[in-house]
């Protein structure tokens, strides 16, 4: 009888895992497995001088366009200069990676 109870518990547990929703197609950053999408260089000056409340149009190497509003500037723990930016639906982070700026999801979206 104990074996049947154990099997029943295992079946219920496994079916719970199987019924979880599939992974969101947008959960991989930009449909890739990369964490940073680098921004094209014509945008660099605008990013470097952006202030909170300012709106920017950014284009990445993957040819994605973003209209963002700068929320704040800060220095990350890594020492990089970064900006928190918002689109209509997401919070993003724009950071200076030595000689190029990159865009990634905010930590809260992982």
PDB file of N, CA and C in Angstrom:
ATOM      1  N   UNK A   1       0.818  -1.202   0.000  1.00  0.00           N
ATOM      2  CA  UNK A   1       0.000   0.000   0.000  1.00  0.00           C
ATOM      3  C   UNK A   1       0.861   1.265   0.000  1.00  0.00           C
ATOM      4  N   UNK A   2       1.966   1.236   0.736  1.00  0.00           N
ATOM      5  CA  UNK A   2       2.856   2.394   0.782  1.00  0.00           C
ATOM      6  C   UNK A   2       3.465   2.679  -0.584  1.00  0.00           C
ATOM      7  N   UNK A   3       3.736   1.615  -1.355  1.00  0.00           N
ATOM      8  CA  UNK A   3       4.303   1.805  -2.689  1.00  0.00           C
ATOM      9  C   UNK A   3       3.305   2.506  -3.601  1.00  0.00           C
ATOM     10  N   UNK A   4       2.029   2.140  -3.504  1.00  0.00           N
ATOM     11  CA  UNK A   4       1.006   2.788  -4.319  1.00  0.00           C
ATOM     12  C   UNK A   4       0.863   4.259  -3.944  1.00  0.00           C
ATOM     13  N   UNK A   5       0.924   4.559  -2.669  1.00  0.00           N
ATOM     14  CA  UNK A   5       0.822   5.954  -2.231  1.00  0.00           C
ATOM     15  C   UNK A   5       2.009   6.761  -2.750  1.00  0.00           C
ATOM     16  N   UNK A   6       3.200   6.175  -2.690  1.00  0.00           N
ATOM     17  CA  UNK A   6       4.397   6.849  -3.178  1.00  0.00           C
ATOM     18  C   UNK A   6       4.301   7.102  -4.681  1.00  0.00           C
ATOM     19  N   UNK A   7       3.836   6.114  -5.424  1.00  0.00           N
ATOM     20  CA  UNK A   7       3.666   6.271  -6.872  1.00  0.00           C
ATOM     21  C   UNK A   7       2.647   7.369  -7.163  1.00  0.00           C
ATOM     22  N   UNK A   8       1.566   7.398  -6.419  1.00  0.00           N
ATOM     23  CA  UNK A   8       0.546   8.434  -6.601  1.00  0.00           C
ATOM     24  C   UNK A   8       1.103   9.829  -6.366  1.00  0.00           C
ATOM     25  N   UNK A   9       1.895   9.975  -5.309  1.00  0.00           N
ATOM     26  CA  UNK A   9       2.503  11.273  -5.012  1.00  0.00           C
ATOM     27  C   UNK A   9       3.464  11.680  -6.129  1.00  0.00           C
ATOM     28  N   UNK A  10       4.259  10.738  -6.623  1.00  0.00           N
ATOM     29  CA  UNK A  10       5.192  11.034  -7.704  1.00  0.00           C
ATOM     30  C   UNK A  10       4.465  11.450  -8.980  1.00  0.00           C
ATOM     31  N   UNK A  11       3.389  10.748  -9.303  1.00  0.00           N
ATOM     32  CA  UNK A  11       2.626  11.068 -10.515  1.00  0.00           C
ATOM     33  C   UNK A  11       2.031  12.468 -10.413  1.00  0.00           C
ATOM     34  N   UNK A  12       1.452  12.790  -9.264  1.00  0.00           N
ATOM     35  CA  UNK A  12       0.863  14.118  -9.076  1.00  0.00           C
ATOM     36  C   UNK A  12       1.952  15.190  -9.156  1.00  0.00           C
ATOM     37  N   UNK A  13       3.092  14.931  -8.522  1.00  0.00           N
ATOM     38  CA  UNK A  13       4.197  15.892  -8.554  1.00  0.00           C
ATOM     39  C   UNK A  13       4.718  16.115  -9.954  1.00  0.00           C
ATOM     40  N   UNK A  14       4.867  15.030 -10.710  1.00  0.00           N
ATOM     41  CA  UNK A  14       5.386  15.151 -12.068  1.00  0.00           C
ATOM     42  C   UNK A  14       4.383  15.837 -12.986  1.00  0.00           C
ATOM     43  N   UNK A  15       3.120  15.599 -12.787  1.00  0.00           N
ATOM     44  CA  UNK A  15       2.122  16.245 -13.640  1.00  0.00           C
ATOM     45  C   UNK A  15       2.061  17.741 -13.349  1.00  0.00           C
ATOM     46  N   UNK A  16       2.343  18.132 -12.117  1.00  0.00           N
ATOM     47  CA  UNK A  16       2.397  19.556 -11.789  1.00  0.00           C
ATOM     48  C   UNK A  16       3.504  20.247 -12.551  1.00  0.00           C
ATOM     49  N   UNK A  17       4.657  19.600 -12.662  1.00  0.00           N
ATOM     50  CA  UNK A  17       5.775  20.180 -13.417  1.00  0.00           C
ATOM     51  C   UNK A  17       5.437  20.264 -14.900  1.00  0.00           C
ATOM     52  N   UNK A  18       4.760  19.259 -15.391  1.00  0.00           N
ATOM     53  CA  UNK A  18       4.436  19.216 -16.816  1.00  0.00           C
ATOM     54  C   UNK A  18       3.394  20.259 -17.191  1.00  0.00           C
ATOM     55  N   UNK A  19       2.613  20.718 -16.218  1.00  0.00           N
ATOM     56  CA  UNK A  19       1.557  21.661 -16.543  1.00  0.00           C
ATOM     57  C   UNK A  19       1.994  23.118 -16.414  1.00  0.00           C
ATOM     58  N   UNK A  20       3.275  23.359 -16.115  1.00  0.00           N
ATOM     59  CA  UNK A  20       3.769  24.734 -16.047  1.00  0.00           C
ATOM     60  C   UNK A  20       3.750  25.342 -17.444  1.00  0.00           C
ATOM     61  N   UNK A  21       3.485  26.642 -17.544  1.00  0.00           N
ATOM     62  CA  UNK A  21       3.451  27.263 -18.871  1.00  0.00           C
ATOM     63  C   UNK A  21       4.810  27.211 -19.547  1.00  0.00           C
ATOM     64  N   UNK A  22       4.762  27.183 -20.877  1.00  0.00           N
ATOM     65  CA  UNK A  22       6.007  27.171 -21.637  1.00  0.00           C
ATOM     66  C   UNK A  22       6.745  28.477 -21.434  1.00  0.00           C
ATOM     67  N   UNK A  23       8.031  28.420 -21.676  1.00  0.00           N
ATOM     68  CA  UNK A  23       8.875  29.595 -21.555  1.00  0.00           C
ATOM     69  C   UNK A  23       8.410  30.658 -22.541  1.00  0.00           C
ATOM     70  N   UNK A  24       8.321  31.882 -22.075  1.00  0.00           N
ATOM     71  CA  UNK A  24       7.930  33.015 -22.908  1.00  0.00           C
ATOM     72  C   UNK A  24       8.957  33.204 -24.024  1.00  0.00           C
ATOM     73  N   UNK A  25       8.485  33.364 -25.244  1.00  0.00           N
ATOM     74  CA  UNK A  25       9.394  33.540 -26.377  1.00  0.00           C
ATOM     75  C   UNK A  25      10.265  34.780 -26.238  1.00  0.00           C
ATOM     76  N   UNK A  26       9.817  35.752 -25.453  1.00  0.00           N
ATOM     77  CA  UNK A  26      10.587  36.980 -25.286  1.00  0.00           C
ATOM     78  C   UNK A  26      11.509  36.937 -24.082  1.00  0.00           C
ATOM     79  N   UNK A  27      11.602  35.796 -23.409  1.00  0.00           N
ATOM     80  CA  UNK A  27      12.409  35.759 -22.201  1.00  0.00           C
ATOM     81  C   UNK A  27      13.899  35.748 -22.501  1.00  0.00           C
ATOM     82  N   UNK A  28      14.317  35.285 -23.667  1.00  0.00           N
ATOM     83  CA  UNK A  28      15.716  35.411 -24.054  1.00  0.00           C
ATOM     84  C   UNK A  28      15.901  36.826 -24.562  1.00  0.00           C
ATOM     85  N   UNK A  29      16.917  37.491 -24.075  1.00  0.00           N
ATOM     86  CA  UNK A  29      17.117  38.883 -24.435  1.00  0.00           C
ATOM     87  C   UNK A  29      17.224  39.029 -25.944  1.00  0.00           C
ATOM     88  N   UNK A  30      16.281  39.714 -26.519  1.00  0.00           N
ATOM     89  CA  UNK A  30      16.220  39.985 -27.953  1.00  0.00           C
ATOM     90  C   UNK A  30      16.203  38.721 -28.799  1.00  0.00           C
ATOM     91  N   UNK A  31      15.707  37.627 -28.250  1.00  0.00           N
ATOM     92  CA  UNK A  31      15.639  36.394 -29.020  1.00  0.00           C
ATOM     93  C   UNK A  31      16.984  35.712 -29.160  1.00  0.00           C
ATOM     94  N   UNK A  32      17.975  36.190 -28.428  1.00  0.00           N
ATOM     95  CA  UNK A  32      19.298  35.572 -28.450  1.00  0.00           C
ATOM     96  C   UNK A  32      19.628  35.127 -27.037  1.00  0.00           C
ATOM     97  N   UNK A  33      20.765  34.511 -26.877  1.00  0.00           N
ATOM     98  CA  UNK A  33      21.192  34.109 -25.547  1.00  0.00           C
ATOM     99  C   UNK A  33      22.240  35.075 -25.013  1.00  0.00           C
ATOM    100  N   UNK A  34      22.288  36.256 -25.575  1.00  0.00           N
ATOM    101  CA  UNK A  34      23.243  37.260 -25.136  1.00  0.00           C
ATOM    102  C   UNK A  34      22.569  38.191 -24.145  1.00  0.00           C
ATOM    103  N   UNK A  35      23.356  38.695 -23.210  1.00  0.00           N
ATOM    104  CA  UNK A  35      22.780  39.573 -22.203  1.00  0.00           C
ATOM    105  C   UNK A  35      22.869  41.051 -22.575  1.00  0.00           C
ATOM    106  N   UNK A  36      23.686  41.392 -23.566  1.00  0.00           N
ATOM    107  CA  UNK A  36      23.857  42.790 -23.970  1.00  0.00           C
ATOM    108  C   UNK A  36      23.670  42.906 -25.478  1.00  0.00           C
ATOM    109  N   UNK A  37      22.897  43.897 -25.893  1.00  0.00           N
ATOM    110  CA  UNK A  37      22.744  44.224 -27.312  1.00  0.00           C
ATOM    111  C   UNK A  37      23.410  45.587 -27.495  1.00  0.00           C
ATOM    112  N   UNK A  38      24.513  45.623 -28.222  1.00  0.00           N
ATOM    113  CA  UNK A  38      25.293  46.856 -28.343  1.00  0.00           C
ATOM    114  C   UNK A  38      24.614  47.863 -29.252  1.00  0.00           C
ATOM    115  N   UNK A  39      24.734  49.112 -28.875  1.00  0.00           N
ATOM    116  CA  UNK A  39      24.091  50.219 -29.568  1.00  0.00           C
ATOM    117  C   UNK A  39      25.029  50.748 -30.650  1.00  0.00           C
ATOM    118  N   UNK A  40      24.451  51.158 -31.774  1.00  0.00           N
ATOM    119  CA  UNK A  40      25.255  51.708 -32.870  1.00  0.00           C
ATOM    120  C   UNK A  40      25.895  53.035 -32.452  1.00  0.00           C
ATOM    121  N   UNK A  41      27.103  53.278 -32.926  1.00  0.00           N
ATOM    122  CA  UNK A  41      27.892  54.438 -32.493  1.00  0.00           C
ATOM    123  C   UNK A  41      27.259  55.811 -32.740  1.00  0.00           C
ATOM    124  N   UNK A  42      26.430  56.025 -33.760  1.00  0.00           N
ATOM    125  CA  UNK A  42      25.837  57.362 -33.902  1.00  0.00           C
ATOM    126  C   UNK A  42      24.994  57.785 -32.692  1.00  0.00           C
ATOM    127  N   UNK A  43      24.631  56.845 -31.836  1.00  0.00           N
ATOM    128  CA  UNK A  43      23.829  57.153 -30.649  1.00  0.00           C
ATOM    129  C   UNK A  43      24.681  57.539 -29.439  1.00  0.00           C
ATOM    130  N   UNK A  44      25.989  57.335 -29.498  1.00  0.00           N
ATOM    131  CA  UNK A  44      26.852  57.470 -28.320  1.00  0.00           C
ATOM    132  C   UNK A  44      26.823  58.862 -27.691  1.00  0.00           C
ATOM    133  N   UNK A  45      26.923  59.910 -28.494  1.00  0.00           N
ATOM    134  CA  UNK A  45      26.950  61.265 -27.936  1.00  0.00           C
ATOM    135  C   UNK A  45      25.650  61.592 -27.205  1.00  0.00           C
ATOM    136  N   UNK A  46      24.530  61.184 -27.774  1.00  0.00           N
ATOM    137  CA  UNK A  46      23.238  61.441 -27.134  1.00  0.00           C
ATOM    138  C   UNK A  46      23.142  60.711 -25.797  1.00  0.00           C
ATOM    139  N   UNK A  47      23.645  59.484 -25.745  1.00  0.00           N
ATOM    140  CA  UNK A  47      23.610  58.715 -24.498  1.00  0.00           C
ATOM    141  C   UNK A  47      24.522  59.359 -23.458  1.00  0.00           C
ATOM    142  N   UNK A  48      25.718  59.735 -23.866  1.00  0.00           N
ATOM    143  CA  UNK A  48      26.698  60.297 -22.938  1.00  0.00           C
ATOM    144  C   UNK A  48      26.212  61.585 -22.281  1.00  0.00           C
ATOM    145  N   UNK A  49      25.384  62.348 -22.975  1.00  0.00           N
ATOM    146  CA  UNK A  49      24.913  63.621 -22.426  1.00  0.00           C
ATOM    147  C   UNK A  49      23.458  63.582 -21.961  1.00  0.00           C
ATOM    148  N   UNK A  50      22.825  62.425 -22.000  1.00  0.00           N
ATOM    149  CA  UNK A  50      21.406  62.319 -21.642  1.00  0.00           C
ATOM    150  C   UNK A  50      21.178  62.622 -20.161  1.00  0.00           C
ATOM    151  N   UNK A  51      20.051  63.248 -19.880  1.00  0.00           N
ATOM    152  CA  UNK A  51      19.668  63.578 -18.505  1.00  0.00           C
ATOM    153  C   UNK A  51      18.315  62.939 -18.194  1.00  0.00           C
ATOM    154  N   UNK A  52      18.024  62.708 -16.910  1.00  0.00           N
ATOM    155  CA  UNK A  52      16.726  62.120 -16.550  1.00  0.00           C
ATOM    156  C   UNK A  52      15.562  62.917 -17.142  1.00  0.00           C
ATOM    157  N   UNK A  53      14.601  62.175 -17.677  1.00  0.00           N
ATOM    158  CA  UNK A  53      13.436  62.773 -18.315  1.00  0.00           C
ATOM    159  C   UNK A  53      13.583  62.937 -19.817  1.00  0.00           C
ATOM    160  N   UNK A  54      14.802  62.837 -20.302  1.00  0.00           N
ATOM    161  CA  UNK A  54      15.052  62.994 -21.742  1.00  0.00           C
ATOM    162  C   UNK A  54      14.662  61.724 -22.492  1.00  0.00           C
ATOM    163  N   UNK A  55      14.099  61.894 -23.672  1.00  0.00           N
ATOM    164  CA  UNK A  55      13.748  60.761 -24.534  1.00  0.00           C
ATOM    165  C   UNK A  55      14.816  60.589 -25.603  1.00  0.00           C
ATOM    166  N   UNK A  56      15.171  59.332 -25.865  1.00  0.00           N
ATOM    167  CA  UNK A  56      16.166  59.004 -26.883  1.00  0.00           C
ATOM    168  C   UNK A  56      15.629  57.915 -27.794  1.00  0.00           C
ATOM    169  N   UNK A  57      16.043  57.944 -29.039  1.00  0.00           N
ATOM    170  CA  UNK A  57      15.774  56.853 -29.971  1.00  0.00           C
ATOM    171  C   UNK A  57      17.093  56.135 -30.190  1.00  0.00           C
ATOM    172  N   UNK A  58      17.139  54.856 -29.840  1.00  0.00           N
ATOM    173  CA  UNK A  58      18.371  54.077 -29.928  1.00  0.00           C
ATOM    174  C   UNK A  58      18.208  52.939 -30.916  1.00  0.00           C
ATOM    175  N   UNK A  59      19.259  52.679 -31.680  1.00  0.00           N
ATOM    176  CA  UNK A  59      19.283  51.552 -32.609  1.00  0.00           C
ATOM    177  C   UNK A  59      20.448  50.656 -32.220  1.00  0.00           C
ATOM    178  N   UNK A  60      20.178  49.349 -32.147  1.00  0.00           N
ATOM    179  CA  UNK A  60      21.211  48.397 -31.755  1.00  0.00           C
ATOM    180  C   UNK A  60      21.809  47.718 -32.984  1.00  0.00           C
ATOM    181  N   UNK A  61      22.907  47.015 -32.750  1.00  0.00           N
ATOM    182  CA  UNK A  61      23.552  46.277 -33.847  1.00  0.00           C
ATOM    183  C   UNK A  61      22.609  45.261 -34.480  1.00  0.00           C
ATOM    184  N   UNK A  62      21.681  44.749 -33.676  1.00  0.00           N
ATOM    185  CA  UNK A  62      20.726  43.774 -34.215  1.00  0.00           C
ATOM    186  C   UNK A  62      19.580  44.471 -34.950  1.00  0.00           C
ATOM    187  N   UNK A  63      19.736  45.775 -35.185  1.00  0.00           N
ATOM    188  CA  UNK A  63      18.779  46.593 -35.940  1.00  0.00           C
ATOM    189  C   UNK A  63      17.434  46.737 -35.241  1.00  0.00           C
ATOM    190  N   UNK A  64      17.443  46.670 -33.931  1.00  0.00           N
ATOM    191  CA  UNK A  64      16.222  46.935 -33.166  1.00  0.00           C
ATOM    192  C   UNK A  64      16.237  48.400 -32.747  1.00  0.00           C
ATOM    193  N   UNK A  65      15.076  49.018 -32.833  1.00  0.00           N
ATOM    194  CA  UNK A  65      14.936  50.429 -32.465  1.00  0.00           C
ATOM    195  C   UNK A  65      14.166  50.543 -31.160  1.00  0.00           C
ATOM    196  N   UNK A  66      14.645  51.404 -30.293  1.00  0.00           N
ATOM    197  CA  UNK A  66      14.003  51.619 -28.998  1.00  0.00           C
ATOM    198  C   UNK A  66      13.809  53.107 -28.772  1.00  0.00           C
ATOM    199  N   UNK A  67      12.629  53.474 -28.343  1.00  0.00           N
ATOM    200  CA  UNK A  67      12.363  54.822 -27.868  1.00  0.00           C
ATOM    201  C   UNK A  67      12.329  54.716 -26.355  1.00  0.00           C
ATOM    202  N   UNK A  68      13.307  55.325 -25.708  1.00  0.00           N
ATOM    203  CA  UNK A  68      13.433  55.208 -24.259  1.00  0.00           C
ATOM    204  C   UNK A  68      13.398  56.584 -23.614  1.00  0.00           C
ATOM    205  N   UNK A  69      13.004  56.588 -22.357  1.00  0.00           N
ATOM    206  CA  UNK A  69      13.074  57.784 -21.530  1.00  0.00           C
ATOM    207  C   UNK A  69      14.054  57.499 -20.407  1.00  0.00           C
ATOM    208  N   UNK A  70      15.017  58.369 -20.226  1.00  0.00           N
ATOM    209  CA  UNK A  70      16.033  58.186 -19.192  1.00  0.00           C
ATOM    210  C   UNK A  70      15.407  58.441 -17.824  1.00  0.00           C
ATOM    211  N   UNK A  71      15.615  57.495 -16.910  1.00  0.00           N
ATOM    212  CA  UNK A  71      15.099  57.620 -15.547  1.00  0.00           C
ATOM    213  C   UNK A  71      16.181  58.191 -14.636  1.00  0.00           C
ATOM    214  N   UNK A  72      17.374  57.605 -14.699  1.00  0.00           N
ATOM    215  CA  UNK A  72      18.475  58.100 -13.861  1.00  0.00           C
ATOM    216  C   UNK A  72      19.811  57.623 -14.415  1.00  0.00           C
ATOM    217  N   UNK A  73      20.868  58.319 -14.014  1.00  0.00           N
ATOM    218  CA  UNK A  73      22.247  57.936 -14.326  1.00  0.00           C
ATOM    219  C   UNK A  73      22.849  57.409 -13.036  1.00  0.00           C
ATOM    220  N   UNK A  74      23.752  56.428 -13.155  1.00  0.00           N
ATOM    221  CA  UNK A  74      24.411  55.895 -11.964  1.00  0.00           C
ATOM    222  C   UNK A  74      25.662  55.131 -12.368  1.00  0.00           C
ATOM    223  N   UNK A  75      26.467  54.778 -11.371  1.00  0.00           N
ATOM    224  CA  UNK A  75      27.624  53.925 -11.598  1.00  0.00           C
ATOM    225  C   UNK A  75      27.294  52.552 -11.037  1.00  0.00           C
ATOM    226  N   UNK A  76      27.430  51.530 -11.862  1.00  0.00           N
ATOM    227  CA  UNK A  76      27.168  50.151 -11.445  1.00  0.00           C
ATOM    228  C   UNK A  76      28.293  49.686 -10.518  1.00  0.00           C
ATOM    229  N   UNK A  77      28.064  48.585  -9.825  1.00  0.00           N
ATOM    230  CA  UNK A  77      29.079  48.015  -8.939  1.00  0.00           C
ATOM    231  C   UNK A  77      30.357  47.689  -9.709  1.00  0.00           C
ATOM    232  N   UNK A  78      30.228  47.426 -10.990  1.00  0.00           N
ATOM    233  CA  UNK A  78      31.391  47.128 -11.836  1.00  0.00           C
ATOM    234  C   UNK A  78      32.212  48.379 -12.148  1.00  0.00           C
ATOM    235  N   UNK A  79      31.666  49.549 -11.811  1.00  0.00           N
ATOM    236  CA  UNK A  79      32.334  50.808 -12.118  1.00  0.00           C
ATOM    237  C   UNK A  79      31.881  51.425 -13.426  1.00  0.00           C
ATOM    238  N   UNK A  80      31.025  50.714 -14.159  1.00  0.00           N
ATOM    239  CA  UNK A  80      30.538  51.236 -15.440  1.00  0.00           C
ATOM    240  C   UNK A  80      29.536  52.369 -15.214  1.00  0.00           C
ATOM    241  N   UNK A  81      29.579  53.339 -16.111  1.00  0.00           N
ATOM    242  CA  UNK A  81      28.559  54.373 -16.111  1.00  0.00           C
ATOM    243  C   UNK A  81      27.317  53.786 -16.771  1.00  0.00           C
ATOM    244  N   UNK A  82      26.170  53.931 -16.122  1.00  0.00           N
ATOM    245  CA  UNK A  82      24.935  53.343 -16.651  1.00  0.00           C
ATOM    246  C   UNK A  82      23.779  54.331 -16.559  1.00  0.00           C
ATOM    247  N   UNK A  83      22.761  54.034 -17.330  1.00  0.00           N
ATOM    248  CA  UNK A  83      21.520  54.792 -17.290  1.00  0.00           C
ATOM    249  C   UNK A  83      20.371  53.805 -17.164  1.00  0.00           C
ATOM    250  N   UNK A  84      19.437  54.111 -16.301  1.00  0.00           N
ATOM    251  CA  UNK A  84      18.193  53.339 -16.264  1.00  0.00           C
ATOM    252  C   UNK A  84      17.255  54.026 -17.242  1.00  0.00           C
ATOM    253  N   UNK A  85      16.655  53.253 -18.123  1.00  0.00           N
ATOM    254  CA  UNK A  85      15.780  53.808 -19.150  1.00  0.00           C
ATOM    255  C   UNK A  85      14.508  52.975 -19.227  1.00  0.00           C
ATOM    256  N   UNK A  86      13.428  53.609 -19.634  1.00  0.00           N
ATOM    257  CA  UNK A  86      12.145  52.910 -19.758  1.00  0.00           C
ATOM    258  C   UNK A  86      11.606  53.035 -21.173  1.00  0.00           C
ATOM    259  N   UNK A  87      11.055  51.916 -21.647  1.00  0.00           N
ATOM    260  CA  UNK A  87      10.243  51.953 -22.857  1.00  0.00           C
ATOM    261  C   UNK A  87       8.804  52.015 -22.362  1.00  0.00           C
ATOM    262  N   UNK A  88       7.849  51.871 -23.242  1.00  0.00           N
ATOM    263  CA  UNK A  88       6.455  51.870 -22.799  1.00  0.00           C
ATOM    264  C   UNK A  88       6.130  50.640 -21.966  1.00  0.00           C
ATOM    265  N   UNK A  89       6.903  49.560 -22.149  1.00  0.00           N
ATOM    266  CA  UNK A  89       6.569  48.308 -21.467  1.00  0.00           C
ATOM    267  C   UNK A  89       7.663  47.755 -20.565  1.00  0.00           C
ATOM    268  N   UNK A  90       8.917  48.192 -20.721  1.00  0.00           N
ATOM    269  CA  UNK A  90      10.024  47.584 -19.981  1.00  0.00           C
ATOM    270  C   UNK A  90      10.980  48.615 -19.414  1.00  0.00           C
ATOM    271  N   UNK A  91      11.684  48.179 -18.378  1.00  0.00           N
ATOM    272  CA  UNK A  91      12.808  48.953 -17.862  1.00  0.00           C
ATOM    273  C   UNK A  91      14.071  48.336 -18.428  1.00  0.00           C
ATOM    274  N   UNK A  92      14.972  49.165 -18.905  1.00  0.00           N
ATOM    275  CA  UNK A  92      16.214  48.687 -19.503  1.00  0.00           C
ATOM    276  C   UNK A  92      17.389  49.413 -18.875  1.00  0.00           C
ATOM    277  N   UNK A  93      18.565  48.852 -19.084  1.00  0.00           N
ATOM    278  CA  UNK A  93      19.794  49.451 -18.586  1.00  0.00           C
ATOM    279  C   UNK A  93      20.718  49.687 -19.774  1.00  0.00           C
ATOM    280  N   UNK A  94      21.257  50.882 -19.858  1.00  0.00           N
ATOM    281  CA  UNK A  94      22.220  51.237 -20.893  1.00  0.00           C
ATOM    282  C   UNK A  94      23.535  51.512 -20.172  1.00  0.00           C
ATOM    283  N   UNK A  95      24.581  50.750 -20.503  1.00  0.00           N
ATOM    284  CA  UNK A  95      25.871  50.910 -19.823  1.00  0.00           C
ATOM    285  C   UNK A  95      27.005  51.109 -20.818  1.00  0.00           C
ATOM    286  N   UNK A  96      28.038  51.793 -20.337  1.00  0.00           N
ATOM    287  CA  UNK A  96      29.246  52.039 -21.120  1.00  0.00           C
ATOM    288  C   UNK A  96      30.202  50.868 -20.914  1.00  0.00           C
ATOM    289  N   UNK A  97      30.407  50.085 -21.969  1.00  0.00           N
ATOM    290  CA  UNK A  97      31.325  48.946 -21.938  1.00  0.00           C
ATOM    291  C   UNK A  97      32.616  49.370 -22.621  1.00  0.00           C
ATOM    292  N   UNK A  98      33.453  50.076 -21.886  1.00  0.00           N
ATOM    293  CA  UNK A  98      34.718  50.633 -22.382  1.00  0.00           C
ATOM    294  C   UNK A  98      34.461  51.611 -23.517  1.00  0.00           C
ATOM    295  N   UNK A  99      34.524  51.176 -24.751  1.00  0.00           N
ATOM    296  CA  UNK A  99      34.374  52.099 -25.874  1.00  0.00           C
ATOM    297  C   UNK A  99      33.055  51.970 -26.610  1.00  0.00           C
ATOM    298  N   UNK A 100      32.100  51.286 -26.034  1.00  0.00           N
ATOM    299  CA  UNK A 100      30.792  51.161 -26.683  1.00  0.00           C
ATOM    300  C   UNK A 100      29.704  51.022 -25.633  1.00  0.00           C
ATOM    301  N   UNK A 101      28.518  51.480 -25.991  1.00  0.00           N
ATOM    302  CA  UNK A 101      27.373  51.415 -25.092  1.00  0.00           C
ATOM    303  C   UNK A 101      26.556  50.174 -25.422  1.00  0.00           C
ATOM    304  N   UNK A 102      26.015  49.549 -24.385  1.00  0.00           N
ATOM    305  CA  UNK A 102      25.198  48.358 -24.569  1.00  0.00           C
ATOM    306  C   UNK A 102      23.886  48.468 -23.815  1.00  0.00           C
ATOM    307  N   UNK A 103      22.888  47.792 -24.313  1.00  0.00           N
ATOM    308  CA  UNK A 103      21.542  47.806 -23.764  1.00  0.00           C
ATOM    309  C   UNK A 103      21.214  46.415 -23.246  1.00  0.00           C
ATOM    310  N   UNK A 104      20.646  46.340 -22.050  1.00  0.00           N
ATOM    311  CA  UNK A 104      20.233  45.040 -21.513  1.00  0.00           C
ATOM    312  C   UNK A 104      18.977  45.217 -20.671  1.00  0.00           C
ATOM    313  N   UNK A 105      18.371  44.099 -20.344  1.00  0.00           N
ATOM    314  CA  UNK A 105      17.187  44.142 -19.488  1.00  0.00           C
ATOM    315  C   UNK A 105      17.585  44.561 -18.084  1.00  0.00           C
ATOM    316  N   UNK A 106      16.685  45.198 -17.398  1.00  0.00           N
ATOM    317  CA  UNK A 106      16.918  45.524 -15.995  1.00  0.00           C
ATOM    318  C   UNK A 106      16.876  44.235 -15.187  1.00  0.00           C
ATOM    319  N   UNK A 107      17.587  44.207 -14.089  1.00  0.00           N
ATOM    320  CA  UNK A 107      17.673  43.016 -13.249  1.00  0.00           C
ATOM    321  C   UNK A 107      16.295  42.506 -12.857  1.00  0.00           C
ATOM    322  N   UNK A 108      15.349  43.396 -12.639  1.00  0.00           N
ATOM    323  CA  UNK A 108      14.006  43.002 -12.219  1.00  0.00           C
ATOM    324  C   UNK A 108      13.284  42.159 -13.265  1.00  0.00           C
ATOM    325  N   UNK A 109      13.792  42.102 -14.500  1.00  0.00           N
ATOM    326  CA  UNK A 109      13.138  41.333 -15.557  1.00  0.00           C
ATOM    327  C   UNK A 109      13.701  39.940 -15.717  1.00  0.00           C
ATOM    328  N   UNK A 110      14.706  39.570 -14.939  1.00  0.00           N
ATOM    329  CA  UNK A 110      15.289  38.230 -15.057  1.00  0.00           C
ATOM    330  C   UNK A 110      14.460  37.236 -14.303  1.00  0.00           C
TER     331      UNK A 110
END
